[in-house]
């Protein structure tokens, strides 16, 4: 499962484009804590709690997993990554020769 941090921040911490839902301060704090949690199991539990909160508050679901993006790269391309929303981060890419 790809980490859903970008959508969690979008829905719970910085909802400028998500004007239909304004989370409580407690929910926002949980989202911030989850994004900083290094223990994968604890982080997953926090995201599950956030999804439950959203479902109770809004009555619908928020997808917290994604279909992996497929990238065809040569072994010389290093540090190529995409965000959970599929945006490639080219700034840190380099080619080993």
PDB file of N, CA and C in Angstrom:
ATOM      1  N   UNK A   1       0.847  -1.187   0.000  1.00  0.00           N
ATOM      2  CA  UNK A   1       0.000   0.000   0.000  1.00  0.00           C
ATOM      3  C   UNK A   1       0.884   1.240   0.000  1.00  0.00           C
ATOM      4  N   UNK A   2       0.592   2.143  -0.880  1.00  0.00           N
ATOM      5  CA  UNK A   2       1.305   3.408  -0.923  1.00  0.00           C
ATOM      6  C   UNK A   2       0.784   4.290   0.211  1.00  0.00           C
ATOM      7  N   UNK A   3       1.671   5.034   0.810  1.00  0.00           N
ATOM      8  CA  UNK A   3       1.282   5.895   1.929  1.00  0.00           C
ATOM      9  C   UNK A   3       0.353   7.014   1.457  1.00  0.00           C
ATOM     10  N   UNK A   4      -0.784   7.210   2.111  1.00  0.00           N
ATOM     11  CA  UNK A   4      -1.788   8.191   1.661  1.00  0.00           C
ATOM     12  C   UNK A   4      -1.596   9.596   2.225  1.00  0.00           C
ATOM     13  N   UNK A   5      -0.393   9.932   2.675  1.00  0.00           N
ATOM     14  CA  UNK A   5      -0.198  11.202   3.373  1.00  0.00           C
ATOM     15  C   UNK A   5      -0.704  12.420   2.603  1.00  0.00           C
ATOM     16  N   UNK A   6      -0.474  12.489   1.291  1.00  0.00           N
ATOM     17  CA  UNK A   6      -0.896  13.682   0.551  1.00  0.00           C
ATOM     18  C   UNK A   6      -2.402  13.913   0.625  1.00  0.00           C
ATOM     19  N   UNK A   7      -3.180  12.856   0.474  1.00  0.00           N
ATOM     20  CA  UNK A   7      -4.628  13.044   0.554  1.00  0.00           C
ATOM     21  C   UNK A   7      -5.077  13.323   1.983  1.00  0.00           C
ATOM     22  N   UNK A   8      -4.409  12.740   2.942  1.00  0.00           N
ATOM     23  CA  UNK A   8      -4.760  13.009   4.339  1.00  0.00           C
ATOM     24  C   UNK A   8      -4.520  14.485   4.653  1.00  0.00           C
ATOM     25  N   UNK A   9      -3.386  15.011   4.224  1.00  0.00           N
ATOM     26  CA  UNK A   9      -3.118  16.438   4.432  1.00  0.00           C
ATOM     27  C   UNK A   9      -4.163  17.280   3.704  1.00  0.00           C
ATOM     28  N   UNK A  10      -4.505  16.895   2.494  1.00  0.00           N
ATOM     29  CA  UNK A  10      -5.506  17.631   1.709  1.00  0.00           C
ATOM     30  C   UNK A  10      -6.861  17.666   2.407  1.00  0.00           C
ATOM     31  N   UNK A  11      -7.298  16.527   2.951  1.00  0.00           N
ATOM     32  CA  UNK A  11      -8.625  16.466   3.555  1.00  0.00           C
ATOM     33  C   UNK A  11      -8.676  16.964   4.994  1.00  0.00           C
ATOM     34  N   UNK A  12      -7.582  16.818   5.731  1.00  0.00           N
ATOM     35  CA  UNK A  12      -7.656  17.077   7.165  1.00  0.00           C
ATOM     36  C   UNK A  12      -6.804  18.229   7.677  1.00  0.00           C
ATOM     37  N   UNK A  13      -5.738  18.589   6.995  1.00  0.00           N
ATOM     38  CA  UNK A  13      -4.831  19.607   7.524  1.00  0.00           C
ATOM     39  C   UNK A  13      -4.926  20.911   6.754  1.00  0.00           C
ATOM     40  N   UNK A  14      -4.929  20.837   5.448  1.00  0.00           N
ATOM     41  CA  UNK A  14      -4.929  22.034   4.620  1.00  0.00           C
ATOM     42  C   UNK A  14      -6.045  21.933   3.583  1.00  0.00           C
ATOM     43  N   UNK A  15      -7.298  21.984   4.043  1.00  0.00           N
ATOM     44  CA  UNK A  15      -8.436  21.720   3.139  1.00  0.00           C
ATOM     45  C   UNK A  15      -8.887  22.925   2.318  1.00  0.00           C
ATOM     46  N   UNK A  16      -7.947  23.658   1.721  1.00  0.00           N
ATOM     47  CA  UNK A  16      -8.321  24.837   0.934  1.00  0.00           C
ATOM     48  C   UNK A  16      -9.227  24.490  -0.234  1.00  0.00           C
ATOM     49  N   UNK A  17      -8.987  23.334  -0.863  1.00  0.00           N
ATOM     50  CA  UNK A  17      -9.822  22.948  -2.004  1.00  0.00           C
ATOM     51  C   UNK A  17     -10.969  22.039  -1.572  1.00  0.00           C
ATOM     52  N   UNK A  18     -10.946  21.589  -0.354  1.00  0.00           N
ATOM     53  CA  UNK A  18     -11.970  20.680   0.165  1.00  0.00           C
ATOM     54  C   UNK A  18     -12.926  21.481   1.044  1.00  0.00           C
ATOM     55  N   UNK A  19     -13.656  22.397   0.457  1.00  0.00           N
ATOM     56  CA  UNK A  19     -14.505  23.296   1.226  1.00  0.00           C
ATOM     57  C   UNK A  19     -15.755  22.630   1.784  1.00  0.00           C
ATOM     58  N   UNK A  20     -16.050  21.411   1.365  1.00  0.00           N
ATOM     59  CA  UNK A  20     -17.243  20.723   1.843  1.00  0.00           C
ATOM     60  C   UNK A  20     -17.066  20.066   3.194  1.00  0.00           C
ATOM     61  N   UNK A  21     -15.851  20.015   3.711  1.00  0.00           N
ATOM     62  CA  UNK A  21     -15.601  19.342   4.984  1.00  0.00           C
ATOM     63  C   UNK A  21     -14.542  20.101   5.762  1.00  0.00           C
ATOM     64  N   UNK A  22     -14.891  20.506   6.952  1.00  0.00           N
ATOM     65  CA  UNK A  22     -13.946  21.169   7.836  1.00  0.00           C
ATOM     66  C   UNK A  22     -13.747  20.290   9.070  1.00  0.00           C
ATOM     67  N   UNK A  23     -12.612  19.615   9.176  1.00  0.00           N
ATOM     68  CA  UNK A  23     -12.375  18.688  10.286  1.00  0.00           C
ATOM     69  C   UNK A  23     -12.200  19.422  11.608  1.00  0.00           C
ATOM     70  N   UNK A  24     -12.440  18.689  12.692  1.00  0.00           N
ATOM     71  CA  UNK A  24     -12.221  19.244  14.027  1.00  0.00           C
ATOM     72  C   UNK A  24     -10.723  19.389  14.264  1.00  0.00           C
ATOM     73  N   UNK A  25     -10.361  20.172  15.266  1.00  0.00           N
ATOM     74  CA  UNK A  25      -8.944  20.350  15.604  1.00  0.00           C
ATOM     75  C   UNK A  25      -8.323  19.021  16.036  1.00  0.00           C
ATOM     76  N   UNK A  26      -9.091  18.197  16.735  1.00  0.00           N
ATOM     77  CA  UNK A  26      -8.599  16.889  17.161  1.00  0.00           C
ATOM     78  C   UNK A  26      -8.269  16.011  15.946  1.00  0.00           C
ATOM     79  N   UNK A  27      -9.108  16.053  14.937  1.00  0.00           N
ATOM     80  CA  UNK A  27      -8.876  15.274  13.722  1.00  0.00           C
ATOM     81  C   UNK A  27      -7.664  15.807  12.971  1.00  0.00           C
ATOM     82  N   UNK A  28      -7.539  17.114  12.881  1.00  0.00           N
ATOM     83  CA  UNK A  28      -6.378  17.725  12.231  1.00  0.00           C
ATOM     84  C   UNK A  28      -5.095  17.345  12.952  1.00  0.00           C
ATOM     85  N   UNK A  29      -5.122  17.375  14.287  1.00  0.00           N
ATOM     86  CA  UNK A  29      -3.946  16.996  15.071  1.00  0.00           C
ATOM     87  C   UNK A  29      -3.572  15.534  14.836  1.00  0.00           C
ATOM     88  N   UNK A  30      -4.565  14.657  14.741  1.00  0.00           N
ATOM     89  CA  UNK A  30      -4.300  13.248  14.478  1.00  0.00           C
ATOM     90  C   UNK A  30      -3.656  13.077  13.094  1.00  0.00           C
ATOM     91  N   UNK A  31      -4.138  13.814  12.114  1.00  0.00           N
ATOM     92  CA  UNK A  31      -3.563  13.739  10.765  1.00  0.00           C
ATOM     93  C   UNK A  31      -2.104  14.183  10.775  1.00  0.00           C
ATOM     94  N   UNK A  32      -1.799  15.244  11.494  1.00  0.00           N
ATOM     95  CA  UNK A  32      -0.415  15.718  11.588  1.00  0.00           C
ATOM     96  C   UNK A  32       0.462  14.696  12.294  1.00  0.00           C
ATOM     97  N   UNK A  33      -0.055  14.104  13.359  1.00  0.00           N
ATOM     98  CA  UNK A  33       0.694  13.092  14.096  1.00  0.00           C
ATOM     99  C   UNK A  33       0.942  11.868  13.219  1.00  0.00           C
ATOM    100  N   UNK A  34      -0.074  11.444  12.479  1.00  0.00           N
ATOM    101  CA  UNK A  34       0.057  10.279  11.601  1.00  0.00           C
ATOM    102  C   UNK A  34       1.119  10.514  10.531  1.00  0.00           C
ATOM    103  N   UNK A  35       1.173  11.721   9.995  1.00  0.00           N
ATOM    104  CA  UNK A  35       2.138  11.996   8.934  1.00  0.00           C
ATOM    105  C   UNK A  35       3.577  11.982   9.437  1.00  0.00           C
ATOM    106  N   UNK A  36       3.762  12.098  10.759  1.00  0.00           N
ATOM    107  CA  UNK A  36       5.105  12.090  11.339  1.00  0.00           C
ATOM    108  C   UNK A  36       5.459  10.758  12.001  1.00  0.00           C
ATOM    109  N   UNK A  37       4.487   9.872  12.109  1.00  0.00           N
ATOM    110  CA  UNK A  37       4.714   8.571  12.762  1.00  0.00           C
ATOM    111  C   UNK A  37       5.603   7.689  11.890  1.00  0.00           C
ATOM    112  N   UNK A  38       6.658   7.136  12.474  1.00  0.00           N
ATOM    113  CA  UNK A  38       7.578   6.293  11.723  1.00  0.00           C
ATOM    114  C   UNK A  38       7.221   4.814  11.808  1.00  0.00           C
ATOM    115  N   UNK A  39       6.493   4.420  12.833  1.00  0.00           N
ATOM    116  CA  UNK A  39       6.081   3.024  12.971  1.00  0.00           C
ATOM    117  C   UNK A  39       4.927   2.773  12.002  1.00  0.00           C
ATOM    118  N   UNK A  40       5.158   1.909  11.018  1.00  0.00           N
ATOM    119  CA  UNK A  40       4.175   1.688   9.948  1.00  0.00           C
ATOM    120  C   UNK A  40       2.841   1.178  10.480  1.00  0.00           C
ATOM    121  N   UNK A  41       2.861   0.315  11.468  1.00  0.00           N
ATOM    122  CA  UNK A  41       1.619  -0.235  12.013  1.00  0.00           C
ATOM    123  C   UNK A  41       0.820   0.845  12.749  1.00  0.00           C
ATOM    124  N   UNK A  42       1.484   1.665  13.544  1.00  0.00           N
ATOM    125  CA  UNK A  42       0.792   2.760  14.245  1.00  0.00           C
ATOM    126  C   UNK A  42       0.236   3.766  13.233  1.00  0.00           C
ATOM    127  N   UNK A  43       1.042   4.064  12.218  1.00  0.00           N
ATOM    128  CA  UNK A  43       0.617   5.013  11.186  1.00  0.00           C
ATOM    129  C   UNK A  43      -0.626   4.500  10.467  1.00  0.00           C
ATOM    130  N   UNK A  44      -0.643   3.217  10.148  1.00  0.00           N
ATOM    131  CA  UNK A  44      -1.793   2.610   9.483  1.00  0.00           C
ATOM    132  C   UNK A  44      -3.035   2.694  10.367  1.00  0.00           C
ATOM    133  N   UNK A  45      -2.876   2.460  11.658  1.00  0.00           N
ATOM    134  CA  UNK A  45      -4.005   2.558  12.590  1.00  0.00           C
ATOM    135  C   UNK A  45      -4.551   3.983  12.644  1.00  0.00           C
ATOM    136  N   UNK A  46      -3.644   4.961  12.643  1.00  0.00           N
ATOM    137  CA  UNK A  46      -4.086   6.361  12.668  1.00  0.00           C
ATOM    138  C   UNK A  46      -4.842   6.719  11.389  1.00  0.00           C
ATOM    139  N   UNK A  47      -4.334   6.259  10.242  1.00  0.00           N
ATOM    140  CA  UNK A  47      -5.031   6.527   8.982  1.00  0.00           C
ATOM    141  C   UNK A  47      -6.394   5.844   8.959  1.00  0.00           C
ATOM    142  N   UNK A  48      -6.480   4.670   9.532  1.00  0.00           N
ATOM    143  CA  UNK A  48      -7.764   3.973   9.614  1.00  0.00           C
ATOM    144  C   UNK A  48      -8.743   4.769  10.479  1.00  0.00           C
ATOM    145  N   UNK A  49      -8.242   5.301  11.586  1.00  0.00           N
ATOM    146  CA  UNK A  49      -9.083   6.133  12.470  1.00  0.00           C
ATOM    147  C   UNK A  49      -9.542   7.399  11.729  1.00  0.00           C
ATOM    148  N   UNK A  50      -8.653   7.997  10.953  1.00  0.00           N
ATOM    149  CA  UNK A  50      -9.031   9.185  10.173  1.00  0.00           C
ATOM    150  C   UNK A  50     -10.098   8.850   9.142  1.00  0.00           C
ATOM    151  N   UNK A  51      -9.972   7.694   8.512  1.00  0.00           N
ATOM    152  CA  UNK A  51     -10.976   7.282   7.532  1.00  0.00           C
ATOM    153  C   UNK A  51     -12.324   7.057   8.214  1.00  0.00           C
ATOM    154  N   UNK A  52     -12.319   6.437   9.386  1.00  0.00           N
ATOM    155  CA  UNK A  52     -13.567   6.239  10.134  1.00  0.00           C
ATOM    156  C   UNK A  52     -14.198   7.569  10.519  1.00  0.00           C
ATOM    157  N   UNK A  53     -13.373   8.511  10.961  1.00  0.00           N
ATOM    158  CA  UNK A  53     -13.872   9.841  11.341  1.00  0.00           C
ATOM    159  C   UNK A  53     -14.510  10.533  10.141  1.00  0.00           C
ATOM    160  N   UNK A  54     -13.842  10.484   9.014  1.00  0.00           N
ATOM    161  CA  UNK A  54     -14.379  11.102   7.802  1.00  0.00           C
ATOM    162  C   UNK A  54     -15.708  10.454   7.414  1.00  0.00           C
ATOM    163  N   UNK A  55     -15.776   9.138   7.475  1.00  0.00           N
ATOM    164  CA  UNK A  55     -17.010   8.435   7.130  1.00  0.00           C
ATOM    165  C   UNK A  55     -18.154   8.816   8.061  1.00  0.00           C
ATOM    166  N   UNK A  56     -17.873   8.973   9.342  1.00  0.00           N
ATOM    167  CA  UNK A  56     -18.910   9.376  10.304  1.00  0.00           C
ATOM    168  C   UNK A  56     -19.349  10.819  10.076  1.00  0.00           C
ATOM    169  N   UNK A  57     -18.390  11.703   9.812  1.00  0.00           N
ATOM    170  CA  UNK A  57     -18.699  13.129   9.649  1.00  0.00           C
ATOM    171  C   UNK A  57     -19.391  13.424   8.324  1.00  0.00           C
ATOM    172  N   UNK A  58     -18.973  12.760   7.258  1.00  0.00           N
ATOM    173  CA  UNK A  58     -19.449  13.090   5.918  1.00  0.00           C
ATOM    174  C   UNK A  58     -20.397  12.034   5.368  1.00  0.00           C
ATOM    175  N   UNK A  59     -20.209  10.795   5.776  1.00  0.00           N
ATOM    176  CA  UNK A  59     -21.074   9.730   5.298  1.00  0.00           C
ATOM    177  C   UNK A  59     -20.610   9.098   4.009  1.00  0.00           C
ATOM    178  N   UNK A  60     -19.379   9.333   3.631  1.00  0.00           N
ATOM    179  CA  UNK A  60     -18.824   8.687   2.448  1.00  0.00           C
ATOM    180  C   UNK A  60     -17.407   8.249   2.758  1.00  0.00           C
ATOM    181  N   UNK A  61     -16.761   7.687   1.782  1.00  0.00           N
ATOM    182  CA  UNK A  61     -15.427   7.157   2.036  1.00  0.00           C
ATOM    183  C   UNK A  61     -14.358   7.995   1.367  1.00  0.00           C
ATOM    184  N   UNK A  62     -13.175   7.881   1.895  1.00  0.00           N
ATOM    185  CA  UNK A  62     -12.003   8.508   1.304  1.00  0.00           C
ATOM    186  C   UNK A  62     -11.020   7.383   0.994  1.00  0.00           C
ATOM    187  N   UNK A  63     -10.566   7.313  -0.220  1.00  0.00           N
ATOM    188  CA  UNK A  63      -9.669   6.252  -0.622  1.00  0.00           C
ATOM    189  C   UNK A  63      -8.300   6.475  -0.016  1.00  0.00           C
ATOM    190  N   UNK A  64      -7.823   5.486   0.721  1.00  0.00           N
ATOM    191  CA  UNK A  64      -6.506   5.601   1.339  1.00  0.00           C
ATOM    192  C   UNK A  64      -5.531   4.576   0.774  1.00  0.00           C
ATOM    193  N   UNK A  65      -5.746   4.186  -0.459  1.00  0.00           N
ATOM    194  CA  UNK A  65      -4.779   3.344  -1.157  1.00  0.00           C
ATOM    195  C   UNK A  65      -4.864   3.658  -2.643  1.00  0.00           C
ATOM    196  N   UNK A  66      -3.847   3.307  -3.364  1.00  0.00           N
ATOM    197  CA  UNK A  66      -3.758   3.695  -4.760  1.00  0.00           C
ATOM    198  C   UNK A  66      -3.220   2.543  -5.588  1.00  0.00           C
ATOM    199  N   UNK A  67      -3.564   2.555  -6.851  1.00  0.00           N
ATOM    200  CA  UNK A  67      -2.973   1.611  -7.785  1.00  0.00           C
ATOM    201  C   UNK A  67      -1.552   2.081  -8.062  1.00  0.00           C
ATOM    202  N   UNK A  68      -0.575   1.217  -7.936  1.00  0.00           N
ATOM    203  CA  UNK A  68       0.814   1.651  -8.175  1.00  0.00           C
ATOM    204  C   UNK A  68       1.004   2.157  -9.599  1.00  0.00           C
ATOM    205  N   UNK A  69       1.842   3.164  -9.743  1.00  0.00           N
ATOM    206  CA  UNK A  69       2.220   3.659 -11.061  1.00  0.00           C
ATOM    207  C   UNK A  69       3.323   2.764 -11.605  1.00  0.00           C
ATOM    208  N   UNK A  70       3.306   2.541 -12.891  1.00  0.00           N
ATOM    209  CA  UNK A  70       4.339   1.743 -13.526  1.00  0.00           C
ATOM    210  C   UNK A  70       5.279   2.692 -14.261  1.00  0.00           C
ATOM    211  N   UNK A  71       6.565   2.546 -14.004  1.00  0.00           N
ATOM    212  CA  UNK A  71       7.580   3.364 -14.659  1.00  0.00           C
ATOM    213  C   UNK A  71       8.616   2.432 -15.270  1.00  0.00           C
ATOM    214  N   UNK A  72       8.918   2.658 -16.530  1.00  0.00           N
ATOM    215  CA  UNK A  72       9.938   1.877 -17.207  1.00  0.00           C
ATOM    216  C   UNK A  72      11.204   2.722 -17.270  1.00  0.00           C
ATOM    217  N   UNK A  73      12.193   2.333 -16.483  1.00  0.00           N
ATOM    218  CA  UNK A  73      13.429   3.094 -16.396  1.00  0.00           C
ATOM    219  C   UNK A  73      14.618   2.163 -16.566  1.00  0.00           C
ATOM    220  N   UNK A  74      15.708   2.716 -17.048  1.00  0.00           N
ATOM    221  CA  UNK A  74      16.930   1.927 -17.110  1.00  0.00           C
ATOM    222  C   UNK A  74      17.529   1.860 -15.707  1.00  0.00           C
ATOM    223  N   UNK A  75      18.379   0.886 -15.452  1.00  0.00           N
ATOM    224  CA  UNK A  75      19.017   0.793 -14.133  1.00  0.00           C
ATOM    225  C   UNK A  75      19.885   2.002 -13.796  1.00  0.00           C
ATOM    226  N   UNK A  76      20.248   2.798 -14.799  1.00  0.00           N
ATOM    227  CA  UNK A  76      21.075   3.979 -14.543  1.00  0.00           C
ATOM    228  C   UNK A  76      20.296   5.140 -13.916  1.00  0.00           C
ATOM    229  N   UNK A  77      18.981   5.136 -14.016  1.00  0.00           N
ATOM    230  CA  UNK A  77      18.166   6.209 -13.440  1.00  0.00           C
ATOM    231  C   UNK A  77      18.002   5.941 -11.948  1.00  0.00           C
ATOM    232  N   UNK A  78      18.403   6.900 -11.132  1.00  0.00           N
ATOM    233  CA  UNK A  78      18.392   6.742  -9.676  1.00  0.00           C
ATOM    234  C   UNK A  78      17.475   7.774  -9.017  1.00  0.00           C
ATOM    235  N   UNK A  79      16.880   7.370  -7.909  1.00  0.00           N
ATOM    236  CA  UNK A  79      16.025   8.233  -7.069  1.00  0.00           C
ATOM    237  C   UNK A  79      14.762   8.730  -7.760  1.00  0.00           C
ATOM    238  N   UNK A  80      14.257   7.996  -8.741  1.00  0.00           N
ATOM    239  CA  UNK A  80      12.993   8.382  -9.365  1.00  0.00           C
ATOM    240  C   UNK A  80      11.848   7.889  -8.486  1.00  0.00           C
ATOM    241  N   UNK A  81      11.023   8.805  -8.015  1.00  0.00           N
ATOM    242  CA  UNK A  81       9.862   8.453  -7.199  1.00  0.00           C
ATOM    243  C   UNK A  81       8.669   9.283  -7.641  1.00  0.00           C
ATOM    244  N   UNK A  82       7.508   8.781  -7.312  1.00  0.00           N
ATOM    245  CA  UNK A  82       6.254   9.515  -7.529  1.00  0.00           C
ATOM    246  C   UNK A  82       5.581   9.710  -6.176  1.00  0.00           C
ATOM    247  N   UNK A  83       4.850  10.806  -6.051  1.00  0.00           N
ATOM    248  CA  UNK A  83       4.058  11.019  -4.847  1.00  0.00           C
ATOM    249  C   UNK A  83       2.850  10.088  -4.907  1.00  0.00           C
ATOM    250  N   UNK A  84       2.117   9.917  -3.791  1.00  0.00           N
ATOM    251  CA  UNK A  84       0.922   9.066  -3.843  1.00  0.00           C
ATOM    252  C   UNK A  84      -0.112   9.513  -4.874  1.00  0.00           C
ATOM    253  N   UNK A  85      -0.076  10.769  -5.272  1.00  0.00           N
ATOM    254  CA  UNK A  85      -1.001  11.253  -6.297  1.00  0.00           C
ATOM    255  C   UNK A  85      -0.451  11.041  -7.701  1.00  0.00           C
ATOM    256  N   UNK A  86       0.726  10.420  -7.820  1.00  0.00           N
ATOM    257  CA  UNK A  86       1.293  10.087  -9.116  1.00  0.00           C
ATOM    258  C   UNK A  86       2.192  11.138  -9.724  1.00  0.00           C
ATOM    259  N   UNK A  87       2.501  12.192  -8.992  1.00  0.00           N
ATOM    260  CA  UNK A  87       3.345  13.262  -9.521  1.00  0.00           C
ATOM    261  C   UNK A  87       4.812  12.838  -9.407  1.00  0.00           C
ATOM    262  N   UNK A  88       5.545  12.820 -10.517  1.00  0.00           N
ATOM    263  CA  UNK A  88       6.955  12.448 -10.438  1.00  0.00           C
ATOM    264  C   UNK A  88       7.776  13.575  -9.813  1.00  0.00           C
ATOM    265  N   UNK A  89       8.750  13.199  -9.007  1.00  0.00           N
ATOM    266  CA  UNK A  89       9.645  14.172  -8.376  1.00  0.00           C
ATOM    267  C   UNK A  89      10.995  14.097  -9.087  1.00  0.00           C
ATOM    268  N   UNK A  90      11.158  14.898 -10.115  1.00  0.00           N
ATOM    269  CA  UNK A  90      12.359  14.842 -10.940  1.00  0.00           C
ATOM    270  C   UNK A  90      13.564  15.538 -10.306  1.00  0.00           C
ATOM    271  N   UNK A  91      13.336  16.423  -9.372  1.00  0.00           N
ATOM    272  CA  UNK A  91      14.426  17.218  -8.807  1.00  0.00           C
ATOM    273  C   UNK A  91      15.527  16.345  -8.200  1.00  0.00           C
ATOM    274  N   UNK A  92      15.157  15.198  -7.648  1.00  0.00           N
ATOM    275  CA  UNK A  92      16.146  14.351  -6.992  1.00  0.00           C
ATOM    276  C   UNK A  92      16.639  13.210  -7.880  1.00  0.00           C
ATOM    277  N   UNK A  93      16.226  13.180  -9.148  1.00  0.00           N
ATOM    278  CA  UNK A  93      16.629  12.109 -10.059  1.00  0.00           C
ATOM    279  C   UNK A  93      18.035  12.386 -10.590  1.00  0.00           C
ATOM    280  N   UNK A  94      18.805  11.326 -10.716  1.00  0.00           N
ATOM    281  CA  UNK A  94      20.126  11.446 -11.320  1.00  0.00           C
ATOM    282  C   UNK A  94      20.427  10.180 -12.116  1.00  0.00           C
ATOM    283  N   UNK A  95      21.394  10.296 -13.008  1.00  0.00           N
ATOM    284  CA  UNK A  95      21.759   9.165 -13.863  1.00  0.00           C
ATOM    285  C   UNK A  95      23.180   8.719 -13.509  1.00  0.00           C
ATOM    286  N   UNK A  96      23.300   7.456 -13.200  1.00  0.00           N
ATOM    287  CA  UNK A  96      24.602   6.869 -12.866  1.00  0.00           C
ATOM    288  C   UNK A  96      25.246   6.344 -14.139  1.00  0.00           C
ATOM    289  N   UNK A  97      26.464   6.715 -14.359  1.00  0.00           N
ATOM    290  CA  UNK A  97      27.192   6.221 -15.546  1.00  0.00           C
ATOM    291  C   UNK A  97      28.571   5.813 -15.164  1.00  0.00           C
TER     292      UNK A  97
END
